[in-house]
Amino acid sequence: MQTCRIGAVLLAILLGTWGLPAHPQSAEPGVQRTQPPTASNVRFQLLTVRSNTLTDEEFLAGKKDANPVSLAAELRIPRPGSDRLPAVVLLHGSGGMSTLEDTWARHFNSMGIATLMVDSFTARGVQQTSANQDQLSRWAMVVDSYRALDVLASHPRIDPRRVVVMGFSRGGGAAHYSAMRRFYAMYGPDSKAEYAAHIAFYPTCNRVFRDGLDVVDKPIRIYHGAADDYIPVAECRLRVDQLRKAGKDAVLTEYADAHHVFDNPGFPLAKVPQVQTTRNCPPLEEVDGQIMDSQTRQPFSYASAPCVERGATAGYNPIAHANAVRDVSEFLSAVLKPAPAPR
C-alpha cells in the first residue's frame, strides 16, 4: 500500500497537479544543498513570448503564422543596474512548470545569470502531456525557444550574445534540436541572434530528421541518467556520437544510478505507470514532412503507434543532482563568463 501511495504522489507531481514545497530539504545527510535561496536583490518581470501552436506537420512544413499564442514567461534579473547580463532560457518538461525550473533559476541567479522560465502549456490550455503526448507537438517548444530569444535580445539588461537555452525531458529535446540549422532557418529569431549553447537534461534523442546533423557551431551539452528507463541514455549516446563524427561540439555526461528527473528534489523515486515512452520506436521524418512510425511506416502518433509503451521509473538522486549542478556551473562559467551576483 505504501508503494502504491508513493507512486500516486509521484504521478501527481509529474502531471503537474501536486503542490511542491518552495524550499525542499536535502534528501541525505552530508549532501550539500543544491538550491540556494533567492537573493533579496533579484528582480522579477513577467513577460509575454509570442509564439505559434503548430502540429508536427505544420512545423516541418515551415508554417510561421499559424495559430498564434501569447505565452507567459518569468524573467529573473540577479542584480539591479544597467549592465548587460548573460541569461538562460528554461524549457519545462511534460509535467509543466514546477520547482525543478525554480531550483535551477535560483542557482543561476546566484551565479549572476538571468533566467527566463517559459510556460509553454498554460496559454495553450494544456496542464500536462505525460500521459497523452499527442496534446501538443513537442516541436512547438522549439519555436517557443526562438521567440524567447527574441524577447531577451531586445531586453536592455540582457546581452544577446550570451544567452543559453536549457530544457528538461520534452523541453530538453526542444533545447538540443533547436540547434539544427534547418529549424533556425525556418523559425529562428527575427533578431538573427543565436543561442550561445544548447543544454538538454534527459531529452528525447531518437527523432530522425532530415539534415539532423547539420547544427549550428555552438556547444551542445546533454546530461542524462544512466539508469533512465523512460528516455534511455543509449539514444543520446548515438546522437552525440554522430554529431561528434560530423565535427560538432557535442558532449554527453552520464550519472550513475540516476533515473529520469534525477535533478528535481520534489520527486521521490518511484514507478510511474501512466507515462508514454517511445524508448523502443524512434519516429522518423519522411521526405514529405510526415513523422512516421519507424516500424509500421504509418504516420506516427502516441495513440496509434503499437511500439509506444507506458510506465517508467523516475525520481530524485541527490548525488547526481549535485554533480550536475557542478558540471553545468563549470560549463556556463566558461561560456557565459558571468559576474557573481552580490548576496
C-alpha atoms as a PDB file:
ATOM      1  CA  MET A   1       0.000   0.000   0.000  1.00  0.00           C
ATOM      2  CA  GLN A   2       2.819   2.407   0.835  1.00  0.00           C
ATOM      3  CA  THR A   3       4.489   1.755  -2.550  1.00  0.00           C
ATOM      4  CA  CYS A   4       1.222   2.483  -4.359  1.00  0.00           C
ATOM      5  CA  ARG A   5       0.741   5.713  -2.437  1.00  0.00           C
ATOM      6  CA  ILE A   6       4.254   6.915  -3.295  1.00  0.00           C
ATOM      7  CA  GLY A   7       3.669   6.052  -6.943  1.00  0.00           C
ATOM      8  CA  ALA A   8       0.409   8.015  -6.939  1.00  0.00           C
ATOM      9  CA  VAL A   9       2.086  11.032  -5.368  1.00  0.00           C
ATOM     10  CA  LEU A  10       4.886  10.951  -7.947  1.00  0.00           C
ATOM     11  CA  LEU A  11       2.420  10.689 -10.809  1.00  0.00           C
ATOM     12  CA  ALA A  12       0.515  13.670  -9.430  1.00  0.00           C
ATOM     13  CA  ILE A  13       3.746  15.653  -9.360  1.00  0.00           C
ATOM     14  CA  LEU A  14       4.680  14.556 -12.872  1.00  0.00           C
ATOM     15  CA  LEU A  15       1.241  15.573 -14.121  1.00  0.00           C
ATOM     16  CA  GLY A  16       1.645  18.997 -12.573  1.00  0.00           C
ATOM     17  CA  THR A  17      -1.168  18.649 -10.018  1.00  0.00           C
ATOM     18  CA  TRP A  18       0.768  18.337  -6.776  1.00  0.00           C
ATOM     19  CA  GLY A  19       1.798  21.331  -4.693  1.00  0.00           C
ATOM     20  CA  LEU A  20       5.567  21.181  -4.154  1.00  0.00           C
ATOM     21  CA  PRO A  21       7.479  22.875  -1.350  1.00  0.00           C
ATOM     22  CA  ALA A  22       9.281  26.076  -2.297  1.00  0.00           C
ATOM     23  CA  HIS A  23      12.416  25.042  -0.401  1.00  0.00           C
ATOM     24  CA  PRO A  24      12.810  21.234  -0.486  1.00  0.00           C
ATOM     25  CA  GLN A  25      15.224  19.790   2.047  1.00  0.00           C
ATOM     26  CA  SER A  26      18.312  17.725   1.253  1.00  0.00           C
ATOM     27  CA  ALA A  27      17.409  14.066   0.876  1.00  0.00           C
ATOM     28  CA  GLU A  28      20.551  12.664   2.501  1.00  0.00           C
ATOM     29  CA  PRO A  29      22.745  13.780   5.382  1.00  0.00           C
ATOM     30  CA  GLY A  30      26.060  15.110   4.150  1.00  0.00           C
ATOM     31  CA  VAL A  31      24.764  16.025   0.694  1.00  0.00           C
ATOM     32  CA  GLN A  32      25.185  19.737   0.061  1.00  0.00           C
ATOM     33  CA  ARG A  33      22.012  21.686  -0.697  1.00  0.00           C
ATOM     34  CA  THR A  34      21.803  22.476  -4.406  1.00  0.00           C
ATOM     35  CA  GLN A  35      19.022  25.074  -4.210  1.00  0.00           C
ATOM     36  CA  PRO A  36      20.303  28.396  -2.876  1.00  0.00           C
ATOM     37  CA  PRO A  37      17.709  30.814  -1.525  1.00  0.00           C
ATOM     38  CA  THR A  38      16.559  33.551  -3.865  1.00  0.00           C
ATOM     39  CA  ALA A  39      18.685  36.616  -3.145  1.00  0.00           C
ATOM     40  CA  SER A  40      16.745  39.663  -1.994  1.00  0.00           C
ATOM     41  CA  ASN A  41      18.126  41.766  -4.853  1.00  0.00           C
ATOM     42  CA  VAL A  42      16.774  39.523  -7.630  1.00  0.00           C
ATOM     43  CA  ARG A  43      14.229  41.392  -9.764  1.00  0.00           C
ATOM     44  CA  PHE A  44      11.236  39.602 -11.288  1.00  0.00           C
ATOM     45  CA  GLN A  45       9.499  40.600 -14.526  1.00  0.00           C
ATOM     46  CA  LEU A  46       6.520  38.888 -16.156  1.00  0.00           C
ATOM     47  CA  LEU A  47       6.919  38.950 -19.927  1.00  0.00           C
ATOM     48  CA  THR A  48       4.980  37.761 -22.965  1.00  0.00           C
ATOM     49  CA  VAL A  49       6.526  35.397 -25.510  1.00  0.00           C
ATOM     50  CA  ARG A  50       4.545  35.474 -28.759  1.00  0.00           C
ATOM     51  CA  SER A  51       4.754  32.087 -30.454  1.00  0.00           C
ATOM     52  CA  ASN A  52       2.682  29.684 -32.551  1.00  0.00           C
ATOM     53  CA  THR A  53       0.967  26.396 -31.750  1.00  0.00           C
ATOM     54  CA  LEU A  54       1.993  24.130 -34.625  1.00  0.00           C
ATOM     55  CA  THR A  55       1.356  20.476 -35.359  1.00  0.00           C
ATOM     56  CA  ASP A  56       4.270  18.251 -36.336  1.00  0.00           C
ATOM     57  CA  GLU A  57       3.350  18.621 -39.993  1.00  0.00           C
ATOM     58  CA  GLU A  58       2.946  22.394 -39.810  1.00  0.00           C
ATOM     59  CA  PHE A  59       6.272  22.731 -38.044  1.00  0.00           C
ATOM     60  CA  LEU A  60       8.157  20.638 -40.601  1.00  0.00           C
ATOM     61  CA  ALA A  61       6.421  22.490 -43.458  1.00  0.00           C
ATOM     62  CA  GLY A  62       7.751  25.795 -42.127  1.00  0.00           C
ATOM     63  CA  LYS A  63       4.395  27.442 -41.394  1.00  0.00           C
ATOM     64  CA  LYS A  64       5.224  30.580 -39.455  1.00  0.00           C
ATOM     65  CA  ASP A  65       1.923  32.323 -38.835  1.00  0.00           C
ATOM     66  CA  ALA A  66      -0.461  29.513 -37.894  1.00  0.00           C
ATOM     67  CA  ASN A  67      -2.267  29.561 -34.554  1.00  0.00           C
ATOM     68  CA  PRO A  68      -0.571  32.472 -32.758  1.00  0.00           C
ATOM     69  CA  VAL A  69      -0.365  32.243 -28.971  1.00  0.00           C
ATOM     70  CA  SER A  70       0.948  34.500 -26.216  1.00  0.00           C
ATOM     71  CA  LEU A  71       2.935  32.578 -23.617  1.00  0.00           C
ATOM     72  CA  ALA A  72       3.763  33.767 -20.131  1.00  0.00           C
ATOM     73  CA  ALA A  73       7.388  33.862 -19.042  1.00  0.00           C
ATOM     74  CA  GLU A  74       9.136  34.947 -15.864  1.00  0.00           C
ATOM     75  CA  LEU A  75      12.413  36.842 -16.154  1.00  0.00           C
ATOM     76  CA  ARG A  76      14.656  36.978 -13.098  1.00  0.00           C
ATOM     77  CA  ILE A  77      17.415  39.582 -13.123  1.00  0.00           C
ATOM     78  CA  PRO A  78      20.013  38.754 -10.472  1.00  0.00           C
ATOM     79  CA  ARG A  79      21.013  42.317  -9.586  1.00  0.00           C
ATOM     80  CA  PRO A  80      19.989  45.918 -10.204  1.00  0.00           C
ATOM     81  CA  GLY A  81      21.992  48.126 -12.528  1.00  0.00           C
ATOM     82  CA  SER A  82      22.357  48.921 -16.201  1.00  0.00           C
ATOM     83  CA  ASP A  83      24.966  46.344 -17.255  1.00  0.00           C
ATOM     84  CA  ARG A  84      24.032  43.619 -19.719  1.00  0.00           C
ATOM     85  CA  LEU A  85      23.840  40.150 -18.222  1.00  0.00           C
ATOM     86  CA  PRO A  86      24.073  36.608 -19.547  1.00  0.00           C
ATOM     87  CA  ALA A  87      20.872  34.574 -19.422  1.00  0.00           C
ATOM     88  CA  VAL A  88      19.493  31.049 -19.527  1.00  0.00           C
ATOM     89  CA  VAL A  89      16.111  30.234 -21.102  1.00  0.00           C
ATOM     90  CA  LEU A  90      14.486  27.342 -19.197  1.00  0.00           C
ATOM     91  CA  LEU A  91      12.076  24.981 -21.013  1.00  0.00           C
ATOM     92  CA  HIS A  92       9.986  22.679 -18.836  1.00  0.00           C
ATOM     93  CA  GLY A  93       9.107  19.031 -19.365  1.00  0.00           C
ATOM     94  CA  SER A  94       5.846  17.148 -19.841  1.00  0.00           C
ATOM     95  CA  GLY A  95       4.592  17.967 -16.354  1.00  0.00           C
ATOM     96  CA  GLY A  96       4.691  21.712 -16.987  1.00  0.00           C
ATOM     97  CA  MET A  97       6.320  24.347 -14.799  1.00  0.00           C
ATOM     98  CA  SER A  98       7.490  23.062 -11.420  1.00  0.00           C
ATOM     99  CA  THR A  99      10.040  23.576  -8.675  1.00  0.00           C
ATOM    100  CA  LEU A 100      12.608  21.977 -10.994  1.00  0.00           C
ATOM    101  CA  GLU A 101      12.918  25.146 -13.095  1.00  0.00           C
ATOM    102  CA  ASP A 102      12.774  27.283  -9.955  1.00  0.00           C
ATOM    103  CA  THR A 103      15.627  25.317  -8.376  1.00  0.00           C
ATOM    104  CA  TRP A 104      17.873  25.842 -11.380  1.00  0.00           C
ATOM    105  CA  ALA A 105      16.834  29.501 -11.737  1.00  0.00           C
ATOM    106  CA  ARG A 106      17.811  30.186  -8.129  1.00  0.00           C
ATOM    107  CA  HIS A 107      21.202  28.622  -8.715  1.00  0.00           C
ATOM    108  CA  PHE A 108      21.879  30.526 -11.937  1.00  0.00           C
ATOM    109  CA  ASN A 109      20.765  33.790 -10.338  1.00  0.00           C
ATOM    110  CA  SER A 110      23.295  33.175  -7.558  1.00  0.00           C
ATOM    111  CA  MET A 111      25.939  32.946 -10.309  1.00  0.00           C
ATOM    112  CA  GLY A 112      24.937  36.328 -11.735  1.00  0.00           C
ATOM    113  CA  ILE A 113      22.974  34.810 -14.640  1.00  0.00           C
ATOM    114  CA  ALA A 114      19.470  35.993 -15.523  1.00  0.00           C
ATOM    115  CA  THR A 115      16.820  33.349 -16.197  1.00  0.00           C
ATOM    116  CA  LEU A 116      13.690  33.260 -18.346  1.00  0.00           C
ATOM    117  CA  MET A 117      11.255  30.467 -17.449  1.00  0.00           C
ATOM    118  CA  VAL A 118       8.825  29.910 -20.336  1.00  0.00           C
ATOM    119  CA  ASP A 119       5.409  28.346 -19.692  1.00  0.00           C
ATOM    120  CA  SER A 120       4.621  26.521 -22.940  1.00  0.00           C
ATOM    121  CA  PHE A 121       1.415  24.882 -21.645  1.00  0.00           C
ATOM    122  CA  THR A 122      -0.981  27.181 -19.789  1.00  0.00           C
ATOM    123  CA  ALA A 123      -1.845  29.574 -22.644  1.00  0.00           C
ATOM    124  CA  ARG A 124      -2.420  26.556 -24.887  1.00  0.00           C
ATOM    125  CA  GLY A 125      -4.916  25.029 -22.453  1.00  0.00           C
ATOM    126  CA  VAL A 126      -2.577  22.162 -21.580  1.00  0.00           C
ATOM    127  CA  GLN A 127      -1.951  21.068 -17.994  1.00  0.00           C
ATOM    128  CA  GLN A 128       0.474  18.228 -18.709  1.00  0.00           C
ATOM    129  CA  THR A 129       1.338  15.829 -21.534  1.00  0.00           C
ATOM    130  CA  SER A 130       2.943  12.955 -19.600  1.00  0.00           C
ATOM    131  CA  ALA A 131       0.010  10.571 -20.102  1.00  0.00           C
ATOM    132  CA  ASN A 132      -1.062  11.964 -23.507  1.00  0.00           C
ATOM    133  CA  GLN A 133       1.809  13.375 -25.556  1.00  0.00           C
ATOM    134  CA  ASP A 134      -0.424  13.922 -28.604  1.00  0.00           C
ATOM    135  CA  GLN A 135      -1.949  17.031 -26.984  1.00  0.00           C
ATOM    136  CA  LEU A 136       0.864  19.284 -28.195  1.00  0.00           C
ATOM    137  CA  SER A 137       3.628  18.831 -30.736  1.00  0.00           C
ATOM    138  CA  ARG A 138       6.933  18.871 -28.909  1.00  0.00           C
ATOM    139  CA  TRP A 139       8.365  20.897 -31.806  1.00  0.00           C
ATOM    140  CA  ALA A 140       6.141  23.826 -30.876  1.00  0.00           C
ATOM    141  CA  MET A 141       8.584  24.275 -27.997  1.00  0.00           C
ATOM    142  CA  VAL A 142      11.429  24.721 -30.500  1.00  0.00           C
ATOM    143  CA  VAL A 143       9.531  27.717 -31.857  1.00  0.00           C
ATOM    144  CA  ASP A 144       8.953  28.896 -28.271  1.00  0.00           C
ATOM    145  CA  SER A 145      12.694  28.792 -27.642  1.00  0.00           C
ATOM    146  CA  TYR A 146      13.435  31.050 -30.625  1.00  0.00           C
ATOM    147  CA  ARG A 147      10.716  33.535 -29.681  1.00  0.00           C
ATOM    148  CA  ALA A 148      12.076  33.609 -26.125  1.00  0.00           C
ATOM    149  CA  LEU A 149      15.497  34.506 -27.528  1.00  0.00           C
ATOM    150  CA  ASP A 150      13.877  37.355 -29.472  1.00  0.00           C
ATOM    151  CA  VAL A 151      12.384  38.685 -26.232  1.00  0.00           C
ATOM    152  CA  LEU A 152      15.731  38.594 -24.457  1.00  0.00           C
ATOM    153  CA  ALA A 153      17.653  40.017 -27.408  1.00  0.00           C
ATOM    154  CA  SER A 154      15.586  43.214 -27.151  1.00  0.00           C
ATOM    155  CA  HIS A 155      15.789  43.490 -23.364  1.00  0.00           C
ATOM    156  CA  PRO A 156      18.051  46.297 -22.107  1.00  0.00           C
ATOM    157  CA  ARG A 157      19.572  44.170 -19.332  1.00  0.00           C
ATOM    158  CA  ILE A 158      20.425  41.083 -21.416  1.00  0.00           C
ATOM    159  CA  ASP A 159      23.468  40.516 -23.620  1.00  0.00           C
ATOM    160  CA  PRO A 160      22.027  38.679 -26.667  1.00  0.00           C
ATOM    161  CA  ARG A 161      25.428  37.109 -27.393  1.00  0.00           C
ATOM    162  CA  ARG A 162      25.402  35.363 -24.020  1.00  0.00           C
ATOM    163  CA  VAL A 163      22.080  33.529 -23.887  1.00  0.00           C
ATOM    164  CA  VAL A 164      21.849  29.743 -23.475  1.00  0.00           C
ATOM    165  CA  VAL A 165      18.784  27.511 -23.811  1.00  0.00           C
ATOM    166  CA  MET A 166      18.355  24.688 -21.299  1.00  0.00           C
ATOM    167  CA  GLY A 167      15.466  22.225 -21.203  1.00  0.00           C
ATOM    168  CA  PHE A 168      14.279  19.169 -19.338  1.00  0.00           C
ATOM    169  CA  SER A 169      12.852  15.993 -20.901  1.00  0.00           C
ATOM    170  CA  ARG A 170      10.327  17.271 -23.507  1.00  0.00           C
ATOM    171  CA  GLY A 171      11.911  20.710 -23.138  1.00  0.00           C
ATOM    172  CA  GLY A 172      15.354  19.125 -23.353  1.00  0.00           C
ATOM    173  CA  GLY A 173      14.524  17.720 -26.764  1.00  0.00           C
ATOM    174  CA  ALA A 174      13.464  21.196 -27.888  1.00  0.00           C
ATOM    175  CA  ALA A 175      16.662  22.637 -26.434  1.00  0.00           C
ATOM    176  CA  HIS A 176      19.080  20.432 -28.361  1.00  0.00           C
ATOM    177  CA  TYR A 177      17.072  20.031 -31.584  1.00  0.00           C
ATOM    178  CA  SER A 178      16.748  23.821 -31.742  1.00  0.00           C
ATOM    179  CA  ALA A 179      20.435  23.778 -32.701  1.00  0.00           C
ATOM    180  CA  MET A 180      19.514  22.421 -36.158  1.00  0.00           C
ATOM    181  CA  ARG A 181      20.316  24.938 -38.901  1.00  0.00           C
ATOM    182  CA  ARG A 182      17.192  23.982 -40.811  1.00  0.00           C
ATOM    183  CA  PHE A 183      14.972  24.872 -37.853  1.00  0.00           C
ATOM    184  CA  TYR A 184      16.881  28.112 -37.288  1.00  0.00           C
ATOM    185  CA  ALA A 185      16.321  28.983 -40.964  1.00  0.00           C
ATOM    186  CA  MET A 186      12.579  28.345 -40.716  1.00  0.00           C
ATOM    187  CA  TYR A 187      11.791  29.801 -37.292  1.00  0.00           C
ATOM    188  CA  GLY A 188      14.925  31.432 -35.927  1.00  0.00           C
ATOM    189  CA  PRO A 189      14.867  34.736 -34.059  1.00  0.00           C
ATOM    190  CA  ASP A 190      13.948  37.836 -36.033  1.00  0.00           C
ATOM    191  CA  SER A 191      16.892  39.455 -34.270  1.00  0.00           C
ATOM    192  CA  LYS A 192      19.179  36.908 -36.013  1.00  0.00           C
ATOM    193  CA  ALA A 193      20.589  36.049 -32.587  1.00  0.00           C
ATOM    194  CA  GLU A 194      21.771  32.505 -31.905  1.00  0.00           C
ATOM    195  CA  TYR A 195      21.980  30.697 -28.638  1.00  0.00           C
ATOM    196  CA  ALA A 196      25.491  30.555 -27.215  1.00  0.00           C
ATOM    197  CA  ALA A 197      24.895  26.913 -26.244  1.00  0.00           C
ATOM    198  CA  HIS A 198      22.174  24.279 -26.131  1.00  0.00           C
ATOM    199  CA  ILE A 199      21.810  22.280 -22.881  1.00  0.00           C
ATOM    200  CA  ALA A 200      19.450  19.322 -22.503  1.00  0.00           C
ATOM    201  CA  PHE A 201      18.647  17.206 -19.465  1.00  0.00           C
ATOM    202  CA  TYR A 202      17.457  13.635 -20.156  1.00  0.00           C
ATOM    203  CA  PRO A 203      15.993  14.620 -23.557  1.00  0.00           C
ATOM    204  CA  THR A 204      14.494  12.540 -26.311  1.00  0.00           C
ATOM    205  CA  CYS A 205      17.283  11.943 -28.849  1.00  0.00           C
ATOM    206  CA  ASN A 206      15.768   9.292 -31.119  1.00  0.00           C
ATOM    207  CA  ARG A 207      13.865  11.503 -33.558  1.00  0.00           C
ATOM    208  CA  VAL A 208      15.369  11.106 -37.026  1.00  0.00           C
ATOM    209  CA  PHE A 209      15.147  14.338 -39.012  1.00  0.00           C
ATOM    210  CA  ARG A 210      16.359  15.195 -42.473  1.00  0.00           C
ATOM    211  CA  ASP A 211      19.625  17.130 -42.122  1.00  0.00           C
ATOM    212  CA  GLY A 212      19.535  16.244 -38.442  1.00  0.00           C
ATOM    213  CA  LEU A 213      23.311  16.502 -38.015  1.00  0.00           C
ATOM    214  CA  ASP A 214      23.553  19.940 -39.616  1.00  0.00           C
ATOM    215  CA  VAL A 215      23.600  22.006 -36.439  1.00  0.00           C
ATOM    216  CA  VAL A 216      24.959  25.448 -35.603  1.00  0.00           C
ATOM    217  CA  ASP A 217      28.569  25.745 -34.484  1.00  0.00           C
ATOM    218  CA  LYS A 218      27.680  26.157 -30.819  1.00  0.00           C
ATOM    219  CA  PRO A 219      28.236  23.733 -27.934  1.00  0.00           C
ATOM    220  CA  ILE A 220      25.583  21.084 -27.328  1.00  0.00           C
ATOM    221  CA  ARG A 221      25.625  19.505 -23.869  1.00  0.00           C
ATOM    222  CA  ILE A 222      23.397  16.632 -22.771  1.00  0.00           C
ATOM    223  CA  TYR A 223      23.131  15.463 -19.152  1.00  0.00           C
ATOM    224  CA  HIS A 224      21.467  12.117 -18.602  1.00  0.00           C
ATOM    225  CA  GLY A 225      20.865   9.439 -16.009  1.00  0.00           C
ATOM    226  CA  ALA A 226      22.494   6.105 -16.812  1.00  0.00           C
ATOM    227  CA  ALA A 227      19.530   4.285 -15.220  1.00  0.00           C
ATOM    228  CA  ASP A 228      16.827   6.227 -17.120  1.00  0.00           C
ATOM    229  CA  ASP A 229      14.239   3.759 -18.471  1.00  0.00           C
ATOM    230  CA  TYR A 230      11.792   6.447 -19.615  1.00  0.00           C
ATOM    231  CA  ILE A 231      14.149   8.017 -22.180  1.00  0.00           C
ATOM    232  CA  PRO A 232      17.141   5.652 -22.277  1.00  0.00           C
ATOM    233  CA  VAL A 233      20.546   7.282 -22.457  1.00  0.00           C
ATOM    234  CA  ALA A 234      21.594   4.969 -25.312  1.00  0.00           C
ATOM    235  CA  GLU A 235      19.689   7.040 -27.862  1.00  0.00           C
ATOM    236  CA  CYS A 236      21.574  10.165 -26.758  1.00  0.00           C
ATOM    237  CA  ARG A 237      24.889   8.304 -26.875  1.00  0.00           C
ATOM    238  CA  LEU A 238      24.161   7.534 -30.524  1.00  0.00           C
ATOM    239  CA  ARG A 239      23.178  11.110 -31.398  1.00  0.00           C
ATOM    240  CA  VAL A 240      26.168  12.663 -29.661  1.00  0.00           C
ATOM    241  CA  ASP A 241      28.494  10.160 -31.330  1.00  0.00           C
ATOM    242  CA  GLN A 242      27.022  11.059 -34.730  1.00  0.00           C
ATOM    243  CA  LEU A 243      27.351  14.786 -34.039  1.00  0.00           C
ATOM    244  CA  ARG A 244      30.966  14.413 -32.924  1.00  0.00           C
ATOM    245  CA  LYS A 245      31.818  12.403 -36.050  1.00  0.00           C
ATOM    246  CA  ALA A 246      30.298  15.287 -38.033  1.00  0.00           C
ATOM    247  CA  GLY A 247      32.763  17.631 -36.322  1.00  0.00           C
ATOM    248  CA  LYS A 248      30.296  19.224 -33.886  1.00  0.00           C
ATOM    249  CA  ASP A 249      30.964  20.298 -30.296  1.00  0.00           C
ATOM    250  CA  ALA A 250      28.642  17.831 -28.581  1.00  0.00           C
ATOM    251  CA  VAL A 251      29.225  16.154 -25.199  1.00  0.00           C
ATOM    252  CA  LEU A 252      27.101  13.688 -23.237  1.00  0.00           C
ATOM    253  CA  THR A 253      27.559  13.435 -19.457  1.00  0.00           C
ATOM    254  CA  GLU A 254      26.034  10.430 -17.697  1.00  0.00           C
ATOM    255  CA  TYR A 255      25.310   9.991 -13.994  1.00  0.00           C
ATOM    256  CA  ALA A 256      25.374   6.553 -12.406  1.00  0.00           C
ATOM    257  CA  ASP A 257      22.193   5.204 -10.776  1.00  0.00           C
ATOM    258  CA  ALA A 258      20.255   8.283 -11.911  1.00  0.00           C
ATOM    259  CA  HIS A 259      16.727   7.995 -13.320  1.00  0.00           C
ATOM    260  CA  HIS A 260      14.515  10.486 -15.119  1.00  0.00           C
ATOM    261  CA  VAL A 261      14.181  13.892 -13.370  1.00  0.00           C
ATOM    262  CA  PHE A 262      17.119  12.985 -11.133  1.00  0.00           C
ATOM    263  CA  ASP A 263      17.706  16.711 -10.533  1.00  0.00           C
ATOM    264  CA  ASN A 264      14.268  17.508  -9.070  1.00  0.00           C
ATOM    265  CA  PRO A 265      14.253  17.452  -5.245  1.00  0.00           C
ATOM    266  CA  GLY A 266      10.431  17.340  -5.324  1.00  0.00           C
ATOM    267  CA  PHE A 267      10.298  13.855  -6.873  1.00  0.00           C
ATOM    268  CA  PRO A 268      10.566  10.778  -4.657  1.00  0.00           C
ATOM    269  CA  LEU A 269      11.973   7.820  -6.627  1.00  0.00           C
ATOM    270  CA  ALA A 270       9.141   5.510  -7.701  1.00  0.00           C
ATOM    271  CA  LYS A 271       7.430   3.774 -10.603  1.00  0.00           C
ATOM    272  CA  VAL A 272       5.196   5.976 -12.755  1.00  0.00           C
ATOM    273  CA  PRO A 273       2.859   3.655 -14.657  1.00  0.00           C
ATOM    274  CA  GLN A 274       0.935   6.021 -16.948  1.00  0.00           C
ATOM    275  CA  VAL A 275       3.652   7.941 -18.784  1.00  0.00           C
ATOM    276  CA  GLN A 276       4.085   7.315 -22.512  1.00  0.00           C
ATOM    277  CA  THR A 277       7.507   6.420 -23.899  1.00  0.00           C
ATOM    278  CA  THR A 278       8.991   5.852 -27.364  1.00  0.00           C
ATOM    279  CA  ARG A 279      12.050   4.083 -25.952  1.00  0.00           C
ATOM    280  CA  ASN A 280      11.709   1.241 -28.474  1.00  0.00           C
ATOM    281  CA  CYS A 281      10.422   3.051 -31.557  1.00  0.00           C
ATOM    282  CA  PRO A 282      12.267   6.051 -32.949  1.00  0.00           C
ATOM    283  CA  PRO A 283       9.903   8.161 -35.109  1.00  0.00           C
ATOM    284  CA  LEU A 284      11.430   9.462 -38.321  1.00  0.00           C
ATOM    285  CA  GLU A 285      10.748  12.234 -40.792  1.00  0.00           C
ATOM    286  CA  GLU A 286       9.865  11.281 -44.340  1.00  0.00           C
ATOM    287  CA  VAL A 287      10.730  13.414 -47.363  1.00  0.00           C
ATOM    288  CA  ASP A 288       7.194  14.855 -47.480  1.00  0.00           C
ATOM    289  CA  GLY A 289       7.484  16.187 -43.932  1.00  0.00           C
ATOM    290  CA  GLN A 290       5.478  13.441 -42.268  1.00  0.00           C
ATOM    291  CA  ILE A 291       6.592  11.931 -38.963  1.00  0.00           C
ATOM    292  CA  MET A 292       6.368   8.166 -39.403  1.00  0.00           C
ATOM    293  CA  ASP A 293       6.440   5.176 -37.095  1.00  0.00           C
ATOM    294  CA  SER A 294       9.792   3.568 -37.940  1.00  0.00           C
ATOM    295  CA  GLN A 295       8.332   0.071 -37.536  1.00  0.00           C
ATOM    296  CA  THR A 296       4.954   0.227 -39.288  1.00  0.00           C
ATOM    297  CA  ARG A 297       5.843   3.096 -41.688  1.00  0.00           C
ATOM    298  CA  GLN A 298       2.495   4.673 -40.815  1.00  0.00           C
ATOM    299  CA  PRO A 299       2.003   8.281 -39.644  1.00  0.00           C
ATOM    300  CA  PHE A 300       3.201   8.432 -36.060  1.00  0.00           C
ATOM    301  CA  SER A 301       1.035   9.285 -33.087  1.00  0.00           C
ATOM    302  CA  TYR A 302       1.337   8.250 -29.470  1.00  0.00           C
ATOM    303  CA  ALA A 303      -2.231   6.940 -29.548  1.00  0.00           C
ATOM    304  CA  SER A 304      -1.833   4.638 -32.559  1.00  0.00           C
ATOM    305  CA  ALA A 305       1.818   3.559 -32.692  1.00  0.00           C
ATOM    306  CA  PRO A 306       1.965  -0.014 -31.365  1.00  0.00           C
ATOM    307  CA  CYS A 307       5.513   0.459 -30.126  1.00  0.00           C
ATOM    308  CA  VAL A 308       4.570   3.239 -27.680  1.00  0.00           C
ATOM    309  CA  GLU A 309       4.736   1.863 -24.152  1.00  0.00           C
ATOM    310  CA  ARG A 310       3.637   3.079 -20.752  1.00  0.00           C
ATOM    311  CA  GLY A 311       5.486   3.087 -17.486  1.00  0.00           C
ATOM    312  CA  ALA A 312       8.898   4.174 -16.229  1.00  0.00           C
ATOM    313  CA  THR A 313      10.895   4.900 -13.100  1.00  0.00           C
ATOM    314  CA  ALA A 314      11.559   8.495 -12.150  1.00  0.00           C
ATOM    315  CA  GLY A 315      12.825  10.440  -9.195  1.00  0.00           C
ATOM    316  CA  TYR A 316      15.480  12.367  -7.364  1.00  0.00           C
ATOM    317  CA  ASN A 317      19.115  11.373  -6.925  1.00  0.00           C
ATOM    318  CA  PRO A 318      20.887  13.945  -4.701  1.00  0.00           C
ATOM    319  CA  ILE A 319      24.399  12.844  -5.644  1.00  0.00           C
ATOM    320  CA  ALA A 320      23.687  13.013  -9.390  1.00  0.00           C
ATOM    321  CA  HIS A 321      21.962  16.363  -8.873  1.00  0.00           C
ATOM    322  CA  ALA A 322      24.921  17.830  -7.024  1.00  0.00           C
ATOM    323  CA  ASN A 323      27.296  16.569  -9.718  1.00  0.00           C
ATOM    324  CA  ALA A 324      25.094  18.005 -12.473  1.00  0.00           C
ATOM    325  CA  VAL A 325      24.977  21.398 -10.745  1.00  0.00           C
ATOM    326  CA  ARG A 326      28.777  21.349 -10.596  1.00  0.00           C
ATOM    327  CA  ASP A 327      29.147  20.309 -14.238  1.00  0.00           C
ATOM    328  CA  VAL A 328      26.630  22.791 -15.639  1.00  0.00           C
ATOM    329  CA  SER A 329      28.033  25.596 -13.496  1.00  0.00           C
ATOM    330  CA  GLU A 330      31.556  24.975 -14.781  1.00  0.00           C
ATOM    331  CA  PHE A 331      30.309  24.882 -18.369  1.00  0.00           C
ATOM    332  CA  LEU A 332      28.259  28.072 -18.092  1.00  0.00           C
ATOM    333  CA  SER A 333      31.058  29.892 -16.278  1.00  0.00           C
ATOM    334  CA  ALA A 334      33.298  29.182 -19.279  1.00  0.00           C
ATOM    335  CA  VAL A 335      30.684  30.022 -21.943  1.00  0.00           C
ATOM    336  CA  LEU A 336      28.876  32.983 -20.355  1.00  0.00           C
ATOM    337  CA  LYS A 337      31.553  34.400 -18.057  1.00  0.00           C
ATOM    338  CA  PRO A 338      29.070  35.814 -15.542  1.00  0.00           C
ATOM    339  CA  ALA A 339      29.953  38.215 -12.747  1.00  0.00           C
ATOM    340  CA  PRO A 340      28.701  36.709  -9.468  1.00  0.00           C
ATOM    341  CA  ALA A 341      25.588  38.326  -8.045  1.00  0.00           C
ATOM    342  CA  PRO A 342      26.138  40.114  -4.732  1.00  0.00           C
ATOM    343  CA  ARG A 343      24.468  38.480  -1.738  1.00  0.00           C
END
